[in-house]
Amino acid sequence: MSDTPVKIGRPYTVRGTTYTPAADPRYDMLGYASWYGSESGNMTANGEKFRPKGISAAHKTLPLPSYVEVTSLQTGRTILVRVNDRGPFARGRIIDLSKGAAEQLGIRAAGTAPVRVRIVDPPERDKKRLRDGKPAAPRPDAPASSLAFWRNQLRQAGY
């Protein structure tokens, strides 16, 4: 499994909505995460075998692969995830985590959860661990003041 070539991809349409993949080095969004895991063995949009227990995710427009930091706005827990698939296509959701990533973030039981998703360029050792389906090195939890600010931003946006 490799991180090259990075694929941007052409615009595509799902359920009447057109998505245009693009590199966005400043990507930093608040929204909701969901998780998926029953698709074991299926191929991801990046052409890799989906591993539910791995630490990966689906995103509608970021290049494949990309690396993002996902923070649960409920717990403050922050993890590093490798984006290698497309989705989620449910309204209001900005990322679809593998079952393993949802467990690591502590949101699997909830099904969906408010999150912050921010693109990052982690060290190669973390990228390799994620390519191998293993968690990256632990990241610090978000401070309570940041969580309160992000939750307020999400509420003001109507979520």
N, C-alpha and C. Protein backbone atom coordinates (compact mmCIF):
# COMPACT_ATOMS: atom_id res chain seq x y z
N MET A 1 0.85 -1.17 0.00
CA MET A 1 0.00 0.00 0.00
C MET A 1 0.90 1.24 0.00
N SER A 2 0.53 2.19 -0.82
CA SER A 2 1.38 3.37 -0.99
C SER A 2 0.56 4.64 -0.90
N ASP A 3 1.25 5.75 -0.67
CA ASP A 3 0.60 7.06 -0.68
C ASP A 3 0.77 7.75 -2.02
N THR A 4 1.41 7.07 -2.97
CA THR A 4 1.59 7.66 -4.29
C THR A 4 1.05 6.70 -5.34
N PRO A 5 0.47 7.18 -6.40
CA PRO A 5 0.21 8.60 -6.61
C PRO A 5 -1.00 9.06 -5.79
N VAL A 6 -0.96 10.34 -5.39
CA VAL A 6 -2.12 10.94 -4.74
C VAL A 6 -3.14 11.20 -5.84
N LYS A 7 -4.39 10.83 -5.59
CA LYS A 7 -5.45 10.98 -6.60
C LYS A 7 -6.39 12.11 -6.18
N ILE A 8 -6.57 13.07 -7.06
CA ILE A 8 -7.56 14.11 -6.82
C ILE A 8 -8.90 13.61 -7.34
N GLY A 9 -8.94 13.16 -8.56
CA GLY A 9 -10.16 12.61 -9.15
C GLY A 9 -11.02 13.67 -9.81
N ARG A 10 -11.88 13.20 -10.70
CA ARG A 10 -12.79 14.09 -11.42
C ARG A 10 -14.05 14.31 -10.60
N PRO A 11 -14.79 15.37 -10.91
CA PRO A 11 -16.07 15.58 -10.25
C PRO A 11 -16.97 14.35 -10.45
N TYR A 12 -17.80 14.07 -9.46
CA TYR A 12 -18.72 12.93 -9.55
C TYR A 12 -20.04 13.32 -8.89
N THR A 13 -21.09 12.62 -9.25
CA THR A 13 -22.43 12.94 -8.75
C THR A 13 -23.01 11.75 -8.00
N VAL A 14 -23.54 12.01 -6.80
CA VAL A 14 -24.22 11.00 -6.00
C VAL A 14 -25.55 11.60 -5.56
N ARG A 15 -26.64 10.91 -5.86
CA ARG A 15 -28.00 11.34 -5.47
C ARG A 15 -28.27 12.79 -5.85
N GLY A 16 -27.84 13.18 -7.05
CA GLY A 16 -28.13 14.51 -7.57
C GLY A 16 -27.20 15.61 -7.11
N THR A 17 -26.23 15.30 -6.26
CA THR A 17 -25.26 16.31 -5.81
C THR A 17 -23.92 16.01 -6.45
N THR A 18 -23.29 17.05 -7.02
CA THR A 18 -21.98 16.89 -7.65
C THR A 18 -20.89 17.31 -6.66
N TYR A 19 -19.89 16.47 -6.52
CA TYR A 19 -18.75 16.73 -5.63
C TYR A 19 -17.52 16.90 -6.51
N THR A 20 -16.69 17.90 -6.17
CA THR A 20 -15.48 18.18 -6.94
C THR A 20 -14.27 18.00 -6.04
N PRO A 21 -13.58 16.87 -6.16
CA PRO A 21 -12.37 16.65 -5.36
C PRO A 21 -11.32 17.73 -5.65
N ALA A 22 -10.61 18.14 -4.60
CA ALA A 22 -9.57 19.16 -4.73
C ALA A 22 -8.64 19.11 -3.54
N ALA A 23 -7.40 19.48 -3.77
CA ALA A 23 -6.45 19.63 -2.66
C ALA A 23 -6.84 20.89 -1.91
N ASP A 24 -6.86 20.82 -0.59
CA ASP A 24 -7.22 21.96 0.24
C ASP A 24 -6.32 21.96 1.47
N PRO A 25 -5.13 22.56 1.37
CA PRO A 25 -4.18 22.51 2.48
C PRO A 25 -4.64 23.21 3.75
N ARG A 26 -5.74 23.97 3.68
CA ARG A 26 -6.27 24.65 4.87
C ARG A 26 -7.57 24.03 5.35
N TYR A 27 -7.88 22.82 4.89
CA TYR A 27 -9.15 22.19 5.26
C TYR A 27 -9.26 22.05 6.78
N ASP A 28 -10.32 22.60 7.35
CA ASP A 28 -10.58 22.58 8.79
C ASP A 28 -12.09 22.79 8.95
N MET A 29 -12.82 21.71 9.22
CA MET A 29 -14.28 21.78 9.23
C MET A 29 -14.87 21.20 10.50
N LEU A 30 -16.04 21.72 10.86
CA LEU A 30 -16.83 21.17 11.94
C LEU A 30 -18.06 20.53 11.32
N GLY A 31 -18.48 19.40 11.86
CA GLY A 31 -19.66 18.71 11.34
C GLY A 31 -19.84 17.41 12.09
N TYR A 32 -20.44 16.45 11.42
CA TYR A 32 -20.71 15.17 12.05
C TYR A 32 -19.97 14.04 11.35
N ALA A 33 -19.50 13.11 12.17
CA ALA A 33 -18.86 11.89 11.67
C ALA A 33 -19.82 10.73 11.89
N SER A 34 -19.74 9.78 11.00
CA SER A 34 -20.42 8.50 11.17
C SER A 34 -19.34 7.44 10.96
N TRP A 35 -19.74 6.17 11.02
CA TRP A 35 -18.74 5.12 10.79
C TRP A 35 -19.36 3.99 9.98
N TYR A 36 -18.48 3.25 9.33
CA TYR A 36 -18.93 2.10 8.54
C TYR A 36 -17.97 0.94 8.77
N GLY A 37 -18.49 -0.27 8.64
CA GLY A 37 -17.64 -1.42 8.92
C GLY A 37 -18.10 -2.71 8.30
N SER A 38 -19.30 -2.76 7.74
CA SER A 38 -19.81 -4.02 7.20
C SER A 38 -19.33 -4.26 5.76
N GLU A 39 -18.59 -3.34 5.21
CA GLU A 39 -18.14 -3.46 3.83
C GLU A 39 -16.80 -4.18 3.71
N SER A 40 -16.45 -4.98 4.70
CA SER A 40 -15.16 -5.67 4.75
C SER A 40 -14.86 -6.37 3.43
N GLY A 41 -13.66 -6.14 2.93
CA GLY A 41 -13.23 -6.78 1.69
C GLY A 41 -13.55 -5.98 0.45
N ASN A 42 -14.46 -5.01 0.55
CA ASN A 42 -14.76 -4.17 -0.61
C ASN A 42 -13.54 -3.31 -0.92
N MET A 43 -13.52 -2.79 -2.13
CA MET A 43 -12.44 -1.90 -2.52
C MET A 43 -12.82 -0.46 -2.18
N THR A 44 -11.85 0.30 -1.67
CA THR A 44 -12.07 1.72 -1.42
C THR A 44 -11.93 2.48 -2.73
N ALA A 45 -12.32 3.74 -2.72
CA ALA A 45 -12.18 4.58 -3.91
C ALA A 45 -10.71 4.73 -4.31
N ASN A 46 -9.80 4.48 -3.37
CA ASN A 46 -8.37 4.57 -3.64
C ASN A 46 -7.82 3.26 -4.21
N GLY A 47 -8.69 2.26 -4.37
CA GLY A 47 -8.26 0.99 -4.93
C GLY A 47 -7.64 0.03 -3.92
N GLU A 48 -7.84 0.28 -2.64
CA GLU A 48 -7.31 -0.57 -1.59
C GLU A 48 -8.43 -1.41 -1.00
N LYS A 49 -8.08 -2.53 -0.41
CA LYS A 49 -9.07 -3.36 0.27
C LYS A 49 -9.48 -2.67 1.57
N PHE A 50 -10.79 -2.52 1.76
CA PHE A 50 -11.28 -1.89 2.98
C PHE A 50 -11.08 -2.82 4.17
N ARG A 51 -10.47 -2.25 5.24
CA ARG A 51 -10.25 -3.01 6.47
C ARG A 51 -11.02 -2.32 7.59
N PRO A 52 -12.16 -2.90 8.02
CA PRO A 52 -12.98 -2.25 9.04
C PRO A 52 -12.22 -1.94 10.33
N LYS A 53 -11.29 -2.80 10.72
CA LYS A 53 -10.56 -2.58 11.97
C LYS A 53 -9.40 -1.60 11.80
N GLY A 54 -9.08 -1.24 10.56
CA GLY A 54 -8.02 -0.27 10.30
C GLY A 54 -8.47 1.13 10.70
N ILE A 55 -7.52 2.07 10.63
CA ILE A 55 -7.81 3.46 11.02
C ILE A 55 -7.85 4.29 9.74
N SER A 56 -9.02 4.29 9.10
CA SER A 56 -9.17 4.98 7.82
C SER A 56 -10.50 5.70 7.79
N ALA A 57 -10.74 6.43 6.69
CA ALA A 57 -11.97 7.22 6.59
C ALA A 57 -12.33 7.48 5.14
N ALA A 58 -13.57 7.90 4.96
CA ALA A 58 -14.06 8.35 3.66
C ALA A 58 -14.39 9.83 3.76
N HIS A 59 -14.03 10.56 2.70
CA HIS A 59 -14.32 11.99 2.61
C HIS A 59 -14.77 12.28 1.19
N LYS A 60 -15.66 13.26 1.04
CA LYS A 60 -16.22 13.53 -0.28
C LYS A 60 -15.24 14.14 -1.28
N THR A 61 -14.30 14.99 -0.82
CA THR A 61 -13.51 15.75 -1.79
C THR A 61 -12.01 15.80 -1.57
N LEU A 62 -11.50 15.42 -0.40
CA LEU A 62 -10.04 15.50 -0.19
C LEU A 62 -9.32 14.50 -1.08
N PRO A 63 -8.07 14.81 -1.46
CA PRO A 63 -7.30 13.86 -2.27
C PRO A 63 -7.16 12.52 -1.56
N LEU A 64 -7.01 11.46 -2.35
CA LEU A 64 -6.81 10.12 -1.81
C LEU A 64 -5.39 9.67 -2.09
N PRO A 65 -4.59 9.32 -1.09
CA PRO A 65 -4.93 9.45 0.33
C PRO A 65 -4.62 10.84 0.85
N SER A 66 -5.26 11.17 1.96
CA SER A 66 -4.98 12.37 2.75
C SER A 66 -4.93 11.94 4.20
N TYR A 67 -4.36 12.78 5.02
CA TYR A 67 -4.31 12.51 6.46
C TYR A 67 -5.03 13.64 7.16
N VAL A 68 -5.92 13.26 8.08
CA VAL A 68 -6.67 14.26 8.83
C VAL A 68 -6.61 13.94 10.31
N GLU A 69 -6.72 14.99 11.08
CA GLU A 69 -6.85 14.88 12.52
C GLU A 69 -8.35 15.03 12.80
N VAL A 70 -8.92 14.06 13.51
CA VAL A 70 -10.34 14.09 13.84
C VAL A 70 -10.46 14.22 15.35
N THR A 71 -11.21 15.23 15.80
CA THR A 71 -11.42 15.47 17.23
C THR A 71 -12.90 15.32 17.54
N SER A 72 -13.22 14.49 18.52
CA SER A 72 -14.59 14.37 19.00
C SER A 72 -14.92 15.60 19.83
N LEU A 73 -15.99 16.31 19.48
CA LEU A 73 -16.38 17.49 20.24
C LEU A 73 -17.08 17.11 21.54
N GLN A 74 -17.36 15.82 21.73
CA GLN A 74 -17.96 15.35 22.97
C GLN A 74 -16.90 15.01 24.01
N THR A 75 -15.84 14.33 23.57
CA THR A 75 -14.84 13.83 24.52
C THR A 75 -13.52 14.59 24.47
N GLY A 76 -13.26 15.29 23.36
CA GLY A 76 -11.97 15.96 23.19
C GLY A 76 -10.89 15.05 22.65
N ARG A 77 -11.18 13.76 22.53
CA ARG A 77 -10.19 12.81 22.01
C ARG A 77 -9.87 13.15 20.57
N THR A 78 -8.59 13.11 20.22
CA THR A 78 -8.14 13.44 18.87
C THR A 78 -7.32 12.27 18.33
N ILE A 79 -7.63 11.88 17.08
CA ILE A 79 -6.88 10.80 16.43
C ILE A 79 -6.44 11.23 15.05
N LEU A 80 -5.47 10.53 14.51
CA LEU A 80 -4.99 10.74 13.15
C LEU A 80 -5.59 9.63 12.29
N VAL A 81 -6.12 9.99 11.12
CA VAL A 81 -6.80 9.04 10.25
C VAL A 81 -6.31 9.22 8.81
N ARG A 82 -6.24 8.12 8.07
CA ARG A 82 -5.88 8.14 6.64
C ARG A 82 -7.16 8.07 5.82
N VAL A 83 -7.39 9.05 4.96
CA VAL A 83 -8.56 9.09 4.09
C VAL A 83 -8.22 8.33 2.80
N ASN A 84 -8.98 7.24 2.54
CA ASN A 84 -8.72 6.45 1.34
C ASN A 84 -9.99 6.07 0.60
N ASP A 85 -11.12 6.71 0.95
CA ASP A 85 -12.39 6.35 0.33
C ASP A 85 -13.26 7.59 0.17
N ARG A 86 -14.36 7.45 -0.57
CA ARG A 86 -15.31 8.55 -0.79
C ARG A 86 -16.57 8.34 0.04
N GLY A 87 -17.13 9.43 0.52
CA GLY A 87 -18.34 9.41 1.34
C GLY A 87 -18.12 10.40 2.46
N PRO A 88 -18.97 10.50 3.42
CA PRO A 88 -20.32 9.94 3.48
C PRO A 88 -21.27 10.80 2.67
N PHE A 89 -22.35 10.21 2.23
CA PHE A 89 -23.30 10.94 1.41
C PHE A 89 -24.61 11.20 2.13
N ALA A 90 -24.57 11.13 3.46
CA ALA A 90 -25.73 11.49 4.28
C ALA A 90 -25.63 12.97 4.65
N ARG A 91 -26.75 13.64 4.66
CA ARG A 91 -26.79 15.09 4.93
C ARG A 91 -26.15 15.41 6.28
N GLY A 92 -25.32 16.45 6.30
CA GLY A 92 -24.72 16.94 7.53
C GLY A 92 -23.47 16.20 7.98
N ARG A 93 -23.09 15.14 7.30
CA ARG A 93 -21.91 14.38 7.72
C ARG A 93 -20.71 14.78 6.86
N ILE A 94 -19.57 14.98 7.53
CA ILE A 94 -18.38 15.44 6.80
C ILE A 94 -17.33 14.35 6.67
N ILE A 95 -17.43 13.27 7.46
CA ILE A 95 -16.44 12.19 7.36
C ILE A 95 -17.11 10.90 7.82
N ASP A 96 -16.69 9.82 7.19
CA ASP A 96 -17.17 8.48 7.53
C ASP A 96 -15.95 7.70 7.99
N LEU A 97 -15.91 7.32 9.25
CA LEU A 97 -14.76 6.63 9.82
C LEU A 97 -14.92 5.13 9.71
N SER A 98 -13.80 4.42 9.58
CA SER A 98 -13.84 2.97 9.67
C SER A 98 -14.25 2.61 11.11
N LYS A 99 -14.70 1.38 11.29
CA LYS A 99 -15.09 0.93 12.63
C LYS A 99 -13.92 1.09 13.61
N GLY A 100 -12.70 0.75 13.16
CA GLY A 100 -11.52 0.88 14.02
C GLY A 100 -11.26 2.32 14.43
N ALA A 101 -11.43 3.26 13.49
CA ALA A 101 -11.22 4.67 13.80
C ALA A 101 -12.31 5.18 14.75
N ALA A 102 -13.56 4.74 14.53
CA ALA A 102 -14.67 5.15 15.42
C ALA A 102 -14.43 4.64 16.83
N GLU A 103 -13.91 3.41 16.96
CA GLU A 103 -13.60 2.88 18.28
C GLU A 103 -12.48 3.67 18.94
N GLN A 104 -11.43 3.97 18.16
CA GLN A 104 -10.31 4.73 18.71
C GLN A 104 -10.75 6.12 19.17
N LEU A 105 -11.66 6.73 18.42
CA LEU A 105 -12.16 8.07 18.76
C LEU A 105 -13.20 8.02 19.89
N GLY A 106 -13.75 6.84 20.13
CA GLY A 106 -14.73 6.69 21.20
C GLY A 106 -16.15 7.04 20.79
N ILE A 107 -16.47 6.93 19.49
CA ILE A 107 -17.81 7.30 19.03
C ILE A 107 -18.58 6.13 18.44
N ARG A 108 -18.03 4.92 18.45
CA ARG A 108 -18.71 3.80 17.78
C ARG A 108 -20.10 3.55 18.34
N ALA A 109 -20.26 3.55 19.64
CA ALA A 109 -21.56 3.27 20.25
C ALA A 109 -22.60 4.32 19.86
N ALA A 110 -22.18 5.57 19.71
CA ALA A 110 -23.11 6.66 19.38
C ALA A 110 -23.58 6.59 17.93
N GLY A 111 -22.77 6.04 17.04
CA GLY A 111 -23.14 5.98 15.62
C GLY A 111 -22.73 7.22 14.86
N THR A 112 -23.11 8.38 15.36
CA THR A 112 -22.66 9.66 14.78
C THR A 112 -22.23 10.55 15.94
N ALA A 113 -21.36 11.50 15.63
CA ALA A 113 -20.88 12.40 16.67
C ALA A 113 -20.36 13.69 16.05
N PRO A 114 -20.47 14.81 16.79
CA PRO A 114 -19.90 16.06 16.29
C PRO A 114 -18.38 16.00 16.36
N VAL A 115 -17.73 16.48 15.28
CA VAL A 115 -16.28 16.41 15.19
C VAL A 115 -15.70 17.65 14.52
N ARG A 116 -14.41 17.81 14.73
CA ARG A 116 -13.60 18.75 13.95
C ARG A 116 -12.68 17.89 13.11
N VAL A 117 -12.58 18.19 11.81
CA VAL A 117 -11.70 17.47 10.90
C VAL A 117 -10.75 18.48 10.28
N ARG A 118 -9.46 18.21 10.44
CA ARG A 118 -8.43 19.15 9.97
C ARG A 118 -7.36 18.37 9.21
N ILE A 119 -7.02 18.84 8.02
CA ILE A 119 -5.98 18.16 7.25
C ILE A 119 -4.63 18.41 7.90
N VAL A 120 -3.78 17.39 7.90
CA VAL A 120 -2.45 17.48 8.50
C VAL A 120 -1.45 16.73 7.62
N ASP A 121 -0.18 16.97 7.87
CA ASP A 121 0.90 16.24 7.20
C ASP A 121 1.74 15.59 8.30
N PRO A 122 1.34 14.39 8.73
CA PRO A 122 2.02 13.77 9.86
C PRO A 122 3.39 13.21 9.49
N PRO A 123 4.18 12.84 10.50
CA PRO A 123 5.48 12.22 10.23
C PRO A 123 5.30 10.90 9.49
N GLU A 124 6.31 10.52 8.72
CA GLU A 124 6.25 9.29 7.92
C GLU A 124 5.95 8.06 8.77
N ARG A 125 6.46 8.00 10.00
CA ARG A 125 6.20 6.81 10.83
C ARG A 125 4.71 6.66 11.13
N ASP A 126 3.99 7.78 11.32
CA ASP A 126 2.55 7.71 11.54
C ASP A 126 1.84 7.32 10.25
N LYS A 127 2.28 7.84 9.12
CA LYS A 127 1.67 7.46 7.84
C LYS A 127 1.82 5.96 7.61
N LYS A 128 3.01 5.42 7.89
CA LYS A 128 3.25 4.00 7.68
C LYS A 128 2.35 3.17 8.59
N ARG A 129 2.23 3.56 9.85
CA ARG A 129 1.36 2.81 10.78
C ARG A 129 -0.09 2.79 10.26
N LEU A 130 -0.57 3.93 9.77
CA LEU A 130 -1.94 4.00 9.26
C LEU A 130 -2.09 3.18 7.97
N ARG A 131 -1.08 3.22 7.09
CA ARG A 131 -1.12 2.39 5.88
C ARG A 131 -1.21 0.91 6.25
N ASP A 132 -0.57 0.54 7.37
CA ASP A 132 -0.58 -0.85 7.84
C ASP A 132 -1.83 -1.19 8.65
N GLY A 133 -2.75 -0.23 8.78
CA GLY A 133 -3.99 -0.47 9.51
C GLY A 133 -3.89 -0.29 11.01
N LYS A 134 -2.77 0.26 11.47
CA LYS A 134 -2.55 0.44 12.91
C LYS A 134 -2.75 1.91 13.28
N PRO A 135 -3.04 2.17 14.56
CA PRO A 135 -3.18 3.57 15.00
C PRO A 135 -1.85 4.32 14.94
N ALA A 136 -1.93 5.59 14.66
CA ALA A 136 -0.76 6.47 14.72
C ALA A 136 -0.44 6.74 16.19
N ALA A 137 0.67 7.41 16.42
CA ALA A 137 1.03 7.80 17.79
C ALA A 137 -0.10 8.62 18.40
N PRO A 138 -0.33 8.48 19.71
CA PRO A 138 -1.41 9.24 20.36
C PRO A 138 -1.21 10.75 20.18
N ARG A 139 -2.33 11.46 20.06
CA ARG A 139 -2.32 12.91 19.94
C ARG A 139 -2.96 13.48 21.20
N PRO A 140 -2.58 14.69 21.59
CA PRO A 140 -3.16 15.26 22.81
C PRO A 140 -4.66 15.54 22.64
N ASP A 141 -5.40 15.40 23.72
CA ASP A 141 -6.82 15.75 23.71
C ASP A 141 -6.96 17.26 23.52
N ALA A 142 -8.08 17.67 22.94
CA ALA A 142 -8.35 19.10 22.76
C ALA A 142 -8.72 19.71 24.11
N PRO A 143 -8.28 20.94 24.37
CA PRO A 143 -8.65 21.60 25.63
C PRO A 143 -10.15 21.90 25.70
N ALA A 144 -10.69 21.92 26.91
CA ALA A 144 -12.12 22.18 27.13
C ALA A 144 -12.56 23.50 26.50
N SER A 145 -11.71 24.52 26.54
CA SER A 145 -12.08 25.82 25.97
C SER A 145 -12.27 25.72 24.45
N SER A 146 -11.42 24.96 23.78
CA SER A 146 -11.57 24.77 22.33
C SER A 146 -12.83 23.99 22.02
N LEU A 147 -13.10 22.94 22.80
CA LEU A 147 -14.32 22.14 22.58
C LEU A 147 -15.56 23.00 22.71
N ALA A 148 -15.61 23.85 23.74
CA ALA A 148 -16.77 24.73 23.94
C ALA A 148 -16.93 25.68 22.75
N PHE A 149 -15.83 26.24 22.27
CA PHE A 149 -15.86 27.15 21.13
C PHE A 149 -16.39 26.43 19.88
N TRP A 150 -15.85 25.24 19.58
CA TRP A 150 -16.26 24.50 18.39
C TRP A 150 -17.72 24.07 18.47
N ARG A 151 -18.17 23.63 19.67
CA ARG A 151 -19.57 23.23 19.82
C ARG A 151 -20.49 24.42 19.54
N ASN A 152 -20.10 25.59 20.04
CA ASN A 152 -20.86 26.81 19.81
C ASN A 152 -20.89 27.15 18.30
N GLN A 153 -19.76 27.03 17.64
CA GLN A 153 -19.69 27.30 16.18
C GLN A 153 -20.63 26.36 15.43
N LEU A 154 -20.63 25.09 15.82
CA LEU A 154 -21.48 24.10 15.17
C LEU A 154 -22.97 24.44 15.39
N ARG A 155 -23.32 24.84 16.61
CA ARG A 155 -24.71 25.24 16.92
C ARG A 155 -25.11 26.44 16.07
N GLN A 156 -24.21 27.43 15.98
CA GLN A 156 -24.52 28.64 15.20
C GLN A 156 -24.70 28.33 13.73
N ALA A 157 -24.04 27.27 13.26
CA ALA A 157 -24.16 26.87 11.85
C ALA A 157 -25.45 26.07 11.62
N GLY A 158 -26.19 25.80 12.69
CA GLY A 158 -27.46 25.14 12.54
C GLY A 158 -27.44 23.63 12.67
N TYR A 159 -26.38 23.10 13.27
CA TYR A 159 -26.30 21.63 13.43
C TYR A 159 -26.73 21.23 14.81
